[in-house]
Amino acid sequence: MAYGLNRRTFLATSAGFIAGTAFNRVAFAAPTASNSGRIFKSVKWGMIGEGGSPLEKFELCKELGYDGMELEAPSRHNISEVLAASKATGMPVHGTVGQKHWSVRLSSPDAAVRD
């Protein structure tokens, strides 16, 4: 019973395996000191079901291993409470996610909708 493995197939398979191994090492490398301060894991505010106050939500996310928070905009949050919670936990608010774009498209062909 022949397996159909010839020199060309063997070399192509070996090259693919070596390239895949090299990519795997680069893609899943552990963070180093050179990129300290970078946010690796963050969570969107609307995904947090527990906790009532901003501080409780920040503490929960910190406990779960998140590094940052993303708020929703337009916001119903008390900004001073959010800033205090961010400072107390050391978790930055690194961005916002807009909710308006789901109902009003900035790419609409109608100028009145875009305005």
PDB file of N, CA and C in Angstrom:
ATOM      1  N   MET A   1       0.842  -1.166   0.000  1.00  0.00           N
ATOM      2  CA  MET A   1       0.000   0.000   0.000  1.00  0.00           C
ATOM      3  C   MET A   1       0.891   1.233   0.000  1.00  0.00           C
ATOM      4  N   ALA A   2       0.744   2.082  -0.998  1.00  0.00           N
ATOM      5  CA  ALA A   2       1.574   3.280  -1.132  1.00  0.00           C
ATOM      6  C   ALA A   2       0.866   4.468  -0.497  1.00  0.00           C
ATOM      7  N   TYR A   3       1.630   5.293   0.167  1.00  0.00           N
ATOM      8  CA  TYR A   3       1.061   6.477   0.811  1.00  0.00           C
ATOM      9  C   TYR A   3       1.118   7.711  -0.078  1.00  0.00           C
ATOM     10  N   GLY A   4       1.825   7.695  -1.148  1.00  0.00           N
ATOM     11  CA  GLY A   4       1.915   8.822  -2.057  1.00  0.00           C
ATOM     12  C   GLY A   4       2.813   9.933  -1.541  1.00  0.00           C
ATOM     13  N   LEU A   5       3.727   9.626  -0.656  1.00  0.00           N
ATOM     14  CA  LEU A   5       4.632  10.627  -0.119  1.00  0.00           C
ATOM     15  C   LEU A   5       5.903  10.626  -0.945  1.00  0.00           C
ATOM     16  N   ASN A   6       6.131  11.712  -1.655  1.00  0.00           N
ATOM     17  CA  ASN A   6       7.366  11.831  -2.411  1.00  0.00           C
ATOM     18  C   ASN A   6       8.178  12.995  -1.829  1.00  0.00           C
ATOM     19  N   ARG A   7       9.304  13.256  -2.419  1.00  0.00           N
ATOM     20  CA  ARG A   7      10.203  14.281  -1.896  1.00  0.00           C
ATOM     21  C   ARG A   7       9.524  15.657  -1.904  1.00  0.00           C
ATOM     22  N   ARG A   8       8.812  15.992  -2.958  1.00  0.00           N
ATOM     23  CA  ARG A   8       8.158  17.300  -3.065  1.00  0.00           C
ATOM     24  C   ARG A   8       7.097  17.466  -1.972  1.00  0.00           C
ATOM     25  N   THR A   9       6.274  16.469  -1.762  1.00  0.00           N
ATOM     26  CA  THR A   9       5.249  16.527  -0.732  1.00  0.00           C
ATOM     27  C   THR A   9       5.872  16.628   0.650  1.00  0.00           C
ATOM     28  N   PHE A  10       6.931  15.856   0.873  1.00  0.00           N
ATOM     29  CA  PHE A  10       7.615  15.889   2.164  1.00  0.00           C
ATOM     30  C   PHE A  10       8.185  17.276   2.448  1.00  0.00           C
ATOM     31  N   LEU A  11       8.839  17.897   1.455  1.00  0.00           N
ATOM     32  CA  LEU A  11       9.433  19.220   1.648  1.00  0.00           C
ATOM     33  C   LEU A  11       8.359  20.293   1.870  1.00  0.00           C
ATOM     34  N   ALA A  12       7.278  20.221   1.119  1.00  0.00           N
ATOM     35  CA  ALA A  12       6.205  21.205   1.286  1.00  0.00           C
ATOM     36  C   ALA A  12       5.567  21.081   2.669  1.00  0.00           C
ATOM     37  N   THR A  13       5.326  19.869   3.115  1.00  0.00           N
ATOM     38  CA  THR A  13       4.735  19.648   4.426  1.00  0.00           C
ATOM     39  C   THR A  13       5.681  20.106   5.530  1.00  0.00           C
ATOM     40  N   SER A  14       6.956  19.795   5.391  1.00  0.00           N
ATOM     41  CA  SER A  14       7.943  20.209   6.390  1.00  0.00           C
ATOM     42  C   SER A  14       8.053  21.719   6.461  1.00  0.00           C
ATOM     43  N   ALA A  15       8.064  22.391   5.311  1.00  0.00           N
ATOM     44  CA  ALA A  15       8.153  23.854   5.291  1.00  0.00           C
ATOM     45  C   ALA A  15       6.931  24.471   5.965  1.00  0.00           C
ATOM     46  N   GLY A  16       5.755  23.928   5.706  1.00  0.00           N
ATOM     47  CA  GLY A  16       4.537  24.427   6.342  1.00  0.00           C
ATOM     48  C   GLY A  16       4.572  24.245   7.849  1.00  0.00           C
ATOM     49  N   PHE A  17       5.060  23.103   8.291  1.00  0.00           N
ATOM     50  CA  PHE A  17       5.160  22.835   9.721  1.00  0.00           C
ATOM     51  C   PHE A  17       6.128  23.809  10.391  1.00  0.00           C
ATOM     52  N   ILE A  18       7.276  24.040   9.778  1.00  0.00           N
ATOM     53  CA  ILE A  18       8.276  24.948  10.346  1.00  0.00           C
ATOM     54  C   ILE A  18       7.738  26.377  10.394  1.00  0.00           C
ATOM     55  N   ALA A  19       7.086  26.822   9.324  1.00  0.00           N
ATOM     56  CA  ALA A  19       6.514  28.170   9.297  1.00  0.00           C
ATOM     57  C   ALA A  19       5.434  28.313  10.353  1.00  0.00           C
ATOM     58  N   GLY A  20       4.601  27.305  10.500  1.00  0.00           N
ATOM     59  CA  GLY A  20       3.545  27.343  11.508  1.00  0.00           C
ATOM     60  C   GLY A  20       4.100  27.404  12.915  1.00  0.00           C
ATOM     61  N   THR A  21       5.156  26.679  13.173  1.00  0.00           N
ATOM     62  CA  THR A  21       5.789  26.691  14.482  1.00  0.00           C
ATOM     63  C   THR A  21       6.383  28.064  14.777  1.00  0.00           C
ATOM     64  N   ALA A  22       7.032  28.670  13.786  1.00  0.00           N
ATOM     65  CA  ALA A  22       7.613  30.003  13.977  1.00  0.00           C
ATOM     66  C   ALA A  22       6.524  31.032  14.238  1.00  0.00           C
ATOM     67  N   PHE A  23       5.422  30.968  13.504  1.00  0.00           N
ATOM     68  CA  PHE A  23       4.314  31.898  13.707  1.00  0.00           C
ATOM     69  C   PHE A  23       3.723  31.724  15.096  1.00  0.00           C
ATOM     70  N   ASN A  24       3.569  30.501  15.516  1.00  0.00           N
ATOM     71  CA  ASN A  24       2.993  30.214  16.822  1.00  0.00           C
ATOM     72  C   ASN A  24       3.823  30.847  17.935  1.00  0.00           C
ATOM     73  N   ARG A  25       5.130  30.801  17.822  1.00  0.00           N
ATOM     74  CA  ARG A  25       5.998  31.382  18.841  1.00  0.00           C
ATOM     75  C   ARG A  25       5.838  32.895  18.892  1.00  0.00           C
ATOM     76  N   VAL A  26       5.694  33.538  17.734  1.00  0.00           N
ATOM     77  CA  VAL A  26       5.550  34.990  17.680  1.00  0.00           C
ATOM     78  C   VAL A  26       4.169  35.403  18.152  1.00  0.00           C
ATOM     79  N   ALA A  27       3.136  34.738  17.693  1.00  0.00           N
ATOM     80  CA  ALA A  27       1.763  35.141  17.986  1.00  0.00           C
ATOM     81  C   ALA A  27       1.399  34.963  19.457  1.00  0.00           C
ATOM     82  N   PHE A  28       1.946  33.964  20.098  1.00  0.00           N
ATOM     83  CA  PHE A  28       1.560  33.675  21.468  1.00  0.00           C
ATOM     84  C   PHE A  28       2.687  33.921  22.456  1.00  0.00           C
ATOM     85  N   ALA A  29       3.581  34.827  22.123  1.00  0.00           N
ATOM     86  CA  ALA A  29       4.691  35.147  23.011  1.00  0.00           C
ATOM     87  C   ALA A  29       4.160  35.877  24.244  1.00  0.00           C
ATOM     88  N   ALA A  30       4.795  35.629  25.364  1.00  0.00           N
ATOM     89  CA  ALA A  30       4.401  36.296  26.600  1.00  0.00           C
ATOM     90  C   ALA A  30       4.767  37.769  26.543  1.00  0.00           C
ATOM     91  N   PRO A  31       3.981  38.638  27.198  1.00  0.00           N
ATOM     92  CA  PRO A  31       4.309  40.055  27.213  1.00  0.00           C
ATOM     93  C   PRO A  31       5.670  40.291  27.861  1.00  0.00           C
ATOM     94  N   THR A  32       6.380  41.256  27.364  1.00  0.00           N
ATOM     95  CA  THR A  32       7.694  41.580  27.911  1.00  0.00           C
ATOM     96  C   THR A  32       7.660  42.961  28.529  1.00  0.00           C
ATOM     97  N   ALA A  33       8.735  43.335  29.190  1.00  0.00           N
ATOM     98  CA  ALA A  33       8.813  44.632  29.854  1.00  0.00           C
ATOM     99  C   ALA A  33       8.714  45.778  28.855  1.00  0.00           C
ATOM    100  N   SER A  34       9.100  45.552  27.604  1.00  0.00           N
ATOM    101  CA  SER A  34       9.082  46.627  26.623  1.00  0.00           C
ATOM    102  C   SER A  34       7.671  47.100  26.298  1.00  0.00           C
ATOM    103  N   ASN A  35       6.656  46.268  26.540  1.00  0.00           N
ATOM    104  CA  ASN A  35       5.290  46.713  26.271  1.00  0.00           C
ATOM    105  C   ASN A  35       4.481  46.826  27.558  1.00  0.00           C
ATOM    106  N   SER A  36       5.153  47.131  28.652  1.00  0.00           N
ATOM    107  CA  SER A  36       4.429  47.304  29.912  1.00  0.00           C
ATOM    108  C   SER A  36       3.555  48.549  29.820  1.00  0.00           C
ATOM    109  N   GLY A  37       2.422  48.515  30.489  1.00  0.00           N
ATOM    110  CA  GLY A  37       1.484  49.612  30.429  1.00  0.00           C
ATOM    111  C   GLY A  37       0.440  49.435  29.339  1.00  0.00           C
ATOM    112  N   ARG A  38       0.650  48.510  28.463  1.00  0.00           N
ATOM    113  CA  ARG A  38      -0.300  48.237  27.388  1.00  0.00           C
ATOM    114  C   ARG A  38      -1.485  47.453  27.942  1.00  0.00           C
ATOM    115  N   ILE A  39      -2.681  47.777  27.506  1.00  0.00           N
ATOM    116  CA  ILE A  39      -3.868  47.056  27.970  1.00  0.00           C
ATOM    117  C   ILE A  39      -3.999  45.769  27.170  1.00  0.00           C
ATOM    118  N   PHE A  40      -4.008  44.653  27.861  1.00  0.00           N
ATOM    119  CA  PHE A  40      -4.112  43.368  27.190  1.00  0.00           C
ATOM    120  C   PHE A  40      -5.539  42.848  27.168  1.00  0.00           C
ATOM    121  N   LYS A  41      -6.286  43.048  28.253  1.00  0.00           N
ATOM    122  CA  LYS A  41      -7.667  42.574  28.305  1.00  0.00           C
ATOM    123  C   LYS A  41      -8.529  43.687  28.875  1.00  0.00           C
ATOM    124  N   SER A  42      -9.590  43.998  28.165  1.00  0.00           N
ATOM    125  CA  SER A  42     -10.525  44.989  28.683  1.00  0.00           C
ATOM    126  C   SER A  42     -11.942  44.461  28.506  1.00  0.00           C
ATOM    127  N   VAL A  43     -12.862  45.132  29.161  1.00  0.00           N
ATOM    128  CA  VAL A  43     -14.247  44.682  29.122  1.00  0.00           C
ATOM    129  C   VAL A  43     -15.144  45.893  28.869  1.00  0.00           C
ATOM    130  N   LYS A  44     -16.200  45.675  28.107  1.00  0.00           N
ATOM    131  CA  LYS A  44     -17.161  46.735  27.817  1.00  0.00           C
ATOM    132  C   LYS A  44     -18.158  46.829  28.966  1.00  0.00           C
ATOM    133  N   TRP A  45     -18.464  48.034  29.380  1.00  0.00           N
ATOM    134  CA  TRP A  45     -19.334  48.297  30.528  1.00  0.00           C
ATOM    135  C   TRP A  45     -20.644  47.517  30.457  1.00  0.00           C
ATOM    136  N   GLY A  46     -21.272  47.466  29.309  1.00  0.00           N
ATOM    137  CA  GLY A  46     -22.555  46.789  29.158  1.00  0.00           C
ATOM    138  C   GLY A  46     -22.494  45.282  29.329  1.00  0.00           C
ATOM    139  N   MET A  47     -21.303  44.717  29.353  1.00  0.00           N
ATOM    140  CA  MET A  47     -21.162  43.269  29.503  1.00  0.00           C
ATOM    141  C   MET A  47     -21.086  42.848  30.965  1.00  0.00           C
ATOM    142  N   ILE A  48     -21.055  43.816  31.886  1.00  0.00           N
ATOM    143  CA  ILE A  48     -20.908  43.514  33.307  1.00  0.00           C
ATOM    144  C   ILE A  48     -22.290  43.471  33.931  1.00  0.00           C
ATOM    145  N   GLY A  49     -22.736  42.302  34.318  1.00  0.00           N
ATOM    146  CA  GLY A  49     -24.068  42.147  34.882  1.00  0.00           C
ATOM    147  C   GLY A  49     -24.122  42.348  36.380  1.00  0.00           C
ATOM    148  N   GLU A  50     -23.003  42.223  37.049  1.00  0.00           N
ATOM    149  CA  GLU A  50     -22.964  42.317  38.513  1.00  0.00           C
ATOM    150  C   GLU A  50     -22.512  43.705  38.942  1.00  0.00           C
ATOM    151  N   GLY A  51     -22.766  44.020  40.210  1.00  0.00           N
ATOM    152  CA  GLY A  51     -22.302  45.279  40.779  1.00  0.00           C
ATOM    153  C   GLY A  51     -23.223  46.423  40.424  1.00  0.00           C
ATOM    154  N   GLY A  52     -23.446  47.294  41.374  1.00  0.00           N
ATOM    155  CA  GLY A  52     -24.333  48.414  41.128  1.00  0.00           C
ATOM    156  C   GLY A  52     -23.572  49.691  40.837  1.00  0.00           C
ATOM    157  N   SER A  53     -22.608  50.000  41.680  1.00  0.00           N
ATOM    158  CA  SER A  53     -21.868  51.248  41.527  1.00  0.00           C
ATOM    159  C   SER A  53     -20.695  51.039  40.570  1.00  0.00           C
ATOM    160  N   PRO A  54     -20.193  52.130  40.016  1.00  0.00           N
ATOM    161  CA  PRO A  54     -18.999  52.008  39.166  1.00  0.00           C
ATOM    162  C   PRO A  54     -17.834  51.341  39.901  1.00  0.00           C
ATOM    163  N   LEU A  55     -17.641  51.668  41.172  1.00  0.00           N
ATOM    164  CA  LEU A  55     -16.539  51.068  41.924  1.00  0.00           C
ATOM    165  C   LEU A  55     -16.703  49.553  42.015  1.00  0.00           C
ATOM    166  N   GLU A  56     -17.923  49.082  42.278  1.00  0.00           N
ATOM    167  CA  GLU A  56     -18.162  47.633  42.363  1.00  0.00           C
ATOM    168  C   GLU A  56     -17.865  46.956  41.025  1.00  0.00           C
ATOM    169  N   LYS A  57     -18.250  47.589  39.935  1.00  0.00           N
ATOM    170  CA  LYS A  57     -17.992  47.012  38.609  1.00  0.00           C
ATOM    171  C   LYS A  57     -16.492  46.979  38.314  1.00  0.00           C
ATOM    172  N   PHE A  58     -15.798  48.049  38.616  1.00  0.00           N
ATOM    173  CA  PHE A  58     -14.353  48.097  38.395  1.00  0.00           C
ATOM    174  C   PHE A  58     -13.644  47.049  39.247  1.00  0.00           C
ATOM    175  N   GLU A  59     -14.026  46.930  40.523  1.00  0.00           N
ATOM    176  CA  GLU A  59     -13.400  45.945  41.411  1.00  0.00           C
ATOM    177  C   GLU A  59     -13.632  44.525  40.915  1.00  0.00           C
ATOM    178  N   LEU A  60     -14.853  44.229  40.467  1.00  0.00           N
ATOM    179  CA  LEU A  60     -15.158  42.901  39.945  1.00  0.00           C
ATOM    180  C   LEU A  60     -14.289  42.587  38.731  1.00  0.00           C
ATOM    181  N   CYS A  61     -14.205  43.527  37.805  1.00  0.00           N
ATOM    182  CA  CYS A  61     -13.413  43.299  36.592  1.00  0.00           C
ATOM    183  C   CYS A  61     -11.932  43.145  36.912  1.00  0.00           C
ATOM    184  N   LYS A  62     -11.445  43.926  37.858  1.00  0.00           N
ATOM    185  CA  LYS A  62     -10.041  43.799  38.278  1.00  0.00           C
ATOM    186  C   LYS A  62      -9.814  42.408  38.876  1.00  0.00           C
ATOM    187  N   GLU A  63     -10.730  41.960  39.721  1.00  0.00           N
ATOM    188  CA  GLU A  63     -10.629  40.636  40.343  1.00  0.00           C
ATOM    189  C   GLU A  63     -10.634  39.525  39.286  1.00  0.00           C
ATOM    190  N   LEU A  64     -11.389  39.718  38.206  1.00  0.00           N
ATOM    191  CA  LEU A  64     -11.471  38.719  37.142  1.00  0.00           C
ATOM    192  C   LEU A  64     -10.278  38.756  36.198  1.00  0.00           C
ATOM    193  N   GLY A  65      -9.397  39.744  36.368  1.00  0.00           N
ATOM    194  CA  GLY A  65      -8.178  39.775  35.576  1.00  0.00           C
ATOM    195  C   GLY A  65      -8.173  40.740  34.407  1.00  0.00           C
ATOM    196  N   TYR A  66      -9.163  41.604  34.315  1.00  0.00           N
ATOM    197  CA  TYR A  66      -9.181  42.590  33.236  1.00  0.00           C
ATOM    198  C   TYR A  66      -8.243  43.741  33.564  1.00  0.00           C
ATOM    199  N   ASP A  67      -7.747  44.395  32.519  1.00  0.00           N
ATOM    200  CA  ASP A  67      -6.792  45.479  32.682  1.00  0.00           C
ATOM    201  C   ASP A  67      -7.385  46.845  32.399  1.00  0.00           C
ATOM    202  N   GLY A  68      -8.564  46.915  31.812  1.00  0.00           N
ATOM    203  CA  GLY A  68      -9.146  48.202  31.457  1.00  0.00           C
ATOM    204  C   GLY A  68     -10.639  48.097  31.255  1.00  0.00           C
ATOM    205  N   MET A  69     -11.262  49.267  31.113  1.00  0.00           N
ATOM    206  CA  MET A  69     -12.705  49.352  30.982  1.00  0.00           C
ATOM    207  C   MET A  69     -13.039  50.182  29.746  1.00  0.00           C
ATOM    208  N   GLU A  70     -14.115  49.820  29.084  1.00  0.00           N
ATOM    209  CA  GLU A  70     -14.605  50.583  27.941  1.00  0.00           C
ATOM    210  C   GLU A  70     -16.038  50.992  28.245  1.00  0.00           C
ATOM    211  N   LEU A  71     -16.290  52.305  28.237  1.00  0.00           N
ATOM    212  CA  LEU A  71     -17.622  52.821  28.555  1.00  0.00           C
ATOM    213  C   LEU A  71     -18.476  52.934  27.310  1.00  0.00           C
ATOM    214  N   GLU A  72     -19.778  53.105  27.525  1.00  0.00           N
ATOM    215  CA  GLU A  72     -20.721  53.303  26.429  1.00  0.00           C
ATOM    216  C   GLU A  72     -20.965  54.797  26.242  1.00  0.00           C
ATOM    217  N   ALA A  73     -21.220  55.207  25.037  1.00  0.00           N
ATOM    218  CA  ALA A  73     -21.528  56.612  24.755  1.00  0.00           C
ATOM    219  C   ALA A  73     -22.716  56.669  23.813  1.00  0.00           C
ATOM    220  N   PRO A  74     -23.627  57.563  23.946  1.00  0.00           N
ATOM    221  CA  PRO A  74     -23.674  58.570  25.007  1.00  0.00           C
ATOM    222  C   PRO A  74     -23.865  57.904  26.362  1.00  0.00           C
ATOM    223  N   SER A  75     -23.326  58.532  27.378  1.00  0.00           N
ATOM    224  CA  SER A  75     -23.208  57.894  28.673  1.00  0.00           C
ATOM    225  C   SER A  75     -24.263  58.357  29.662  1.00  0.00           C
ATOM    226  N   ARG A  76     -24.700  57.441  30.503  1.00  0.00           N
ATOM    227  CA  ARG A  76     -25.579  57.753  31.630  1.00  0.00           C
ATOM    228  C   ARG A  76     -24.782  57.715  32.931  1.00  0.00           C
ATOM    229  N   HIS A  77     -23.486  57.556  32.824  1.00  0.00           N
ATOM    230  CA  HIS A  77     -22.636  57.359  33.997  1.00  0.00           C
ATOM    231  C   HIS A  77     -22.329  58.681  34.688  1.00  0.00           C
ATOM    232  N   ASN A  78     -22.166  58.601  35.992  1.00  0.00           N
ATOM    233  CA  ASN A  78     -21.675  59.732  36.754  1.00  0.00           C
ATOM    234  C   ASN A  78     -20.155  59.735  36.574  1.00  0.00           C
ATOM    235  N   ILE A  79     -19.674  60.692  35.807  1.00  0.00           N
ATOM    236  CA  ILE A  79     -18.264  60.702  35.415  1.00  0.00           C
ATOM    237  C   ILE A  79     -17.335  60.790  36.618  1.00  0.00           C
ATOM    238  N   SER A  80     -17.701  61.554  37.634  1.00  0.00           N
ATOM    239  CA  SER A  80     -16.821  61.661  38.802  1.00  0.00           C
ATOM    240  C   SER A  80     -16.708  60.318  39.525  1.00  0.00           C
ATOM    241  N   GLU A  81     -17.804  59.538  39.577  1.00  0.00           N
ATOM    242  CA  GLU A  81     -17.752  58.203  40.192  1.00  0.00           C
ATOM    243  C   GLU A  81     -16.893  57.259  39.356  1.00  0.00           C
ATOM    244  N   VAL A  82     -17.013  57.338  38.041  1.00  0.00           N
ATOM    245  CA  VAL A  82     -16.209  56.484  37.156  1.00  0.00           C
ATOM    246  C   VAL A  82     -14.727  56.812  37.309  1.00  0.00           C
ATOM    247  N   LEU A  83     -14.387  58.089  37.330  1.00  0.00           N
ATOM    248  CA  LEU A  83     -12.986  58.489  37.499  1.00  0.00           C
ATOM    249  C   LEU A  83     -12.437  58.045  38.846  1.00  0.00           C
ATOM    250  N   ALA A  84     -13.244  58.164  39.896  1.00  0.00           N
ATOM    251  CA  ALA A  84     -12.813  57.727  41.226  1.00  0.00           C
ATOM    252  C   ALA A  84     -12.594  56.212  41.252  1.00  0.00           C
ATOM    253  N   ALA A  85     -13.495  55.459  40.626  1.00  0.00           N
ATOM    254  CA  ALA A  85     -13.357  53.997  40.579  1.00  0.00           C
ATOM    255  C   ALA A  85     -12.121  53.599  39.772  1.00  0.00           C
ATOM    256  N   SER A  86     -11.878  54.304  38.681  1.00  0.00           N
ATOM    257  CA  SER A  86     -10.702  54.031  37.854  1.00  0.00           C
ATOM    258  C   SER A  86      -9.425  54.264  38.650  1.00  0.00           C
ATOM    259  N   LYS A  87      -9.383  55.364  39.375  1.00  0.00           N
ATOM    260  CA  LYS A  87      -8.198  55.691  40.176  1.00  0.00           C
ATOM    261  C   LYS A  87      -8.016  54.697  41.316  1.00  0.00           C
ATOM    262  N   ALA A  88      -9.115  54.313  41.974  1.00  0.00           N
ATOM    263  CA  ALA A  88      -9.043  53.399  43.120  1.00  0.00           C
ATOM    264  C   ALA A  88      -8.567  52.006  42.723  1.00  0.00           C
ATOM    265  N   THR A  89      -8.945  51.552  41.548  1.00  0.00           N
ATOM    266  CA  THR A  89      -8.584  50.186  41.124  1.00  0.00           C
ATOM    267  C   THR A  89      -7.353  50.143  40.227  1.00  0.00           C
ATOM    268  N   GLY A  90      -6.969  51.303  39.689  1.00  0.00           N
ATOM    269  CA  GLY A  90      -5.831  51.323  38.763  1.00  0.00           C
ATOM    270  C   GLY A  90      -6.189  50.825  37.382  1.00  0.00           C
ATOM    271  N   MET A  91      -7.479  50.706  37.108  1.00  0.00           N
ATOM    272  CA  MET A  91      -7.938  50.261  35.785  1.00  0.00           C
ATOM    273  C   MET A  91      -8.351  51.472  34.963  1.00  0.00           C
ATOM    274  N   PRO A  92      -7.671  51.744  33.856  1.00  0.00           N
ATOM    275  CA  PRO A  92      -8.030  52.904  33.054  1.00  0.00           C
ATOM    276  C   PRO A  92      -9.290  52.683  32.225  1.00  0.00           C
ATOM    277  N   VAL A  93      -9.951  53.785  31.909  1.00  0.00           N
ATOM    278  CA  VAL A  93     -11.023  53.775  30.918  1.00  0.00           C
ATOM    279  C   VAL A  93     -10.328  54.116  29.613  1.00  0.00           C
ATOM    280  N   HIS A  94     -10.149  53.127  28.771  1.00  0.00           N
ATOM    281  CA  HIS A  94      -9.318  53.337  27.580  1.00  0.00           C
ATOM    282  C   HIS A  94     -10.111  53.727  26.346  1.00  0.00           C
ATOM    283  N   GLY A  95     -11.437  53.723  26.430  1.00  0.00           N
ATOM    284  CA  GLY A  95     -12.195  54.088  25.251  1.00  0.00           C
ATOM    285  C   GLY A  95     -13.686  54.055  25.507  1.00  0.00           C
ATOM    286  N   THR A  96     -14.426  54.391  24.456  1.00  0.00           N
ATOM    287  CA  THR A  96     -15.886  54.336  24.523  1.00  0.00           C
ATOM    288  C   THR A  96     -16.416  53.617  23.299  1.00  0.00           C
ATOM    289  N   VAL A  97     -17.614  53.102  23.439  1.00  0.00           N
ATOM    290  CA  VAL A  97     -18.292  52.434  22.340  1.00  0.00           C
ATOM    291  C   VAL A  97     -19.580  53.199  22.100  1.00  0.00           C
ATOM    292  N   GLY A  98     -19.816  53.621  20.868  1.00  0.00           N
ATOM    293  CA  GLY A  98     -21.012  54.393  20.545  1.00  0.00           C
ATOM    294  C   GLY A  98     -22.212  53.498  20.305  1.00  0.00           C
ATOM    295  N   GLN A  99     -23.356  53.922  20.797  1.00  0.00           N
ATOM    296  CA  GLN A  99     -24.583  53.157  20.594  1.00  0.00           C
ATOM    297  C   GLN A  99     -25.449  53.763  19.506  1.00  0.00           C
ATOM    298  N   LYS A 100     -25.263  55.027  19.202  1.00  0.00           N
ATOM    299  CA  LYS A 100     -26.093  55.717  18.216  1.00  0.00           C
ATOM    300  C   LYS A 100     -25.958  55.110  16.828  1.00  0.00           C
ATOM    301  N   HIS A 101     -24.773  54.611  16.486  1.00  0.00           N
ATOM    302  CA  HIS A 101     -24.544  54.154  15.119  1.00  0.00           C
ATOM    303  C   HIS A 101     -25.402  52.953  14.731  1.00  0.00           C
ATOM    304  N   TRP A 102     -26.029  52.308  15.692  1.00  0.00           N
ATOM    305  CA  TRP A 102     -26.884  51.175  15.341  1.00  0.00           C
ATOM    306  C   TRP A 102     -28.194  51.647  14.723  1.00  0.00           C
ATOM    307  N   SER A 103     -28.646  52.845  15.112  1.00  0.00           N
ATOM    308  CA  SER A 103     -29.903  53.342  14.569  1.00  0.00           C
ATOM    309  C   SER A 103     -29.701  54.458  13.549  1.00  0.00           C
ATOM    310  N   VAL A 104     -28.590  55.171  13.610  1.00  0.00           N
ATOM    311  CA  VAL A 104     -28.298  56.261  12.683  1.00  0.00           C
ATOM    312  C   VAL A 104     -26.954  55.980  12.029  1.00  0.00           C
ATOM    313  N   ARG A 105     -26.974  55.653  10.760  1.00  0.00           N
ATOM    314  CA  ARG A 105     -25.746  55.298  10.050  1.00  0.00           C
ATOM    315  C   ARG A 105     -25.045  56.532   9.496  1.00  0.00           C
ATOM    316  N   LEU A 106     -23.775  56.690   9.835  1.00  0.00           N
ATOM    317  CA  LEU A 106     -22.988  57.783   9.278  1.00  0.00           C
ATOM    318  C   LEU A 106     -22.698  57.557   7.798  1.00  0.00           C
ATOM    319  N   SER A 107     -22.892  56.340   7.326  1.00  0.00           N
ATOM    320  CA  SER A 107     -22.649  56.022   5.916  1.00  0.00           C
ATOM    321  C   SER A 107     -23.938  56.053   5.091  1.00  0.00           C
ATOM    322  N   SER A 108     -25.017  56.578   5.663  1.00  0.00           N
ATOM    323  CA  SER A 108     -26.296  56.632   4.944  1.00  0.00           C
ATOM    324  C   SER A 108     -26.182  57.509   3.706  1.00  0.00           C
ATOM    325  N   PRO A 109     -26.821  57.105   2.605  1.00  0.00           N
ATOM    326  CA  PRO A 109     -26.794  57.939   1.398  1.00  0.00           C
ATOM    327  C   PRO A 109     -27.623  59.214   1.564  1.00  0.00           C
ATOM    328  N   ASP A 110     -28.485  59.258   2.581  1.00  0.00           N
ATOM    329  CA  ASP A 110     -29.322  60.425   2.833  1.00  0.00           C
ATOM    330  C   ASP A 110     -28.558  61.422   3.706  1.00  0.00           C
ATOM    331  N   ALA A 111     -28.326  62.626   3.189  1.00  0.00           N
ATOM    332  CA  ALA A 111     -27.581  63.653   3.916  1.00  0.00           C
ATOM    333  C   ALA A 111     -28.255  64.036   5.223  1.00  0.00           C
ATOM    334  N   ALA A 112     -29.580  64.048   5.253  1.00  0.00           N
ATOM    335  CA  ALA A 112     -30.301  64.408   6.486  1.00  0.00           C
ATOM    336  C   ALA A 112     -30.025  63.399   7.600  1.00  0.00           C
ATOM    337  N   VAL A 113     -29.934  62.115   7.261  1.00  0.00           N
ATOM    338  CA  VAL A 113     -29.628  61.085   8.258  1.00  0.00           C
ATOM    339  C   VAL A 113     -28.209  61.265   8.767  1.00  0.00           C
ATOM    340  N   ARG A 114     -27.268  61.532   7.873  1.00  0.00           N
ATOM    341  CA  ARG A 114     -25.869  61.729   8.290  1.00  0.00           C
ATOM    342  C   ARG A 114     -25.718  62.937   9.191  1.00  0.00           C
ATOM    343  N   ASP A 115     -26.481  64.001   8.907  1.00  0.00           N
ATOM    344  CA  ASP A 115     -26.395  65.203   9.754  1.00  0.00           C
ATOM    345  C   ASP A 115     -26.929  64.923  11.139  1.00  0.00           C
TER     346      ASP A 115
END
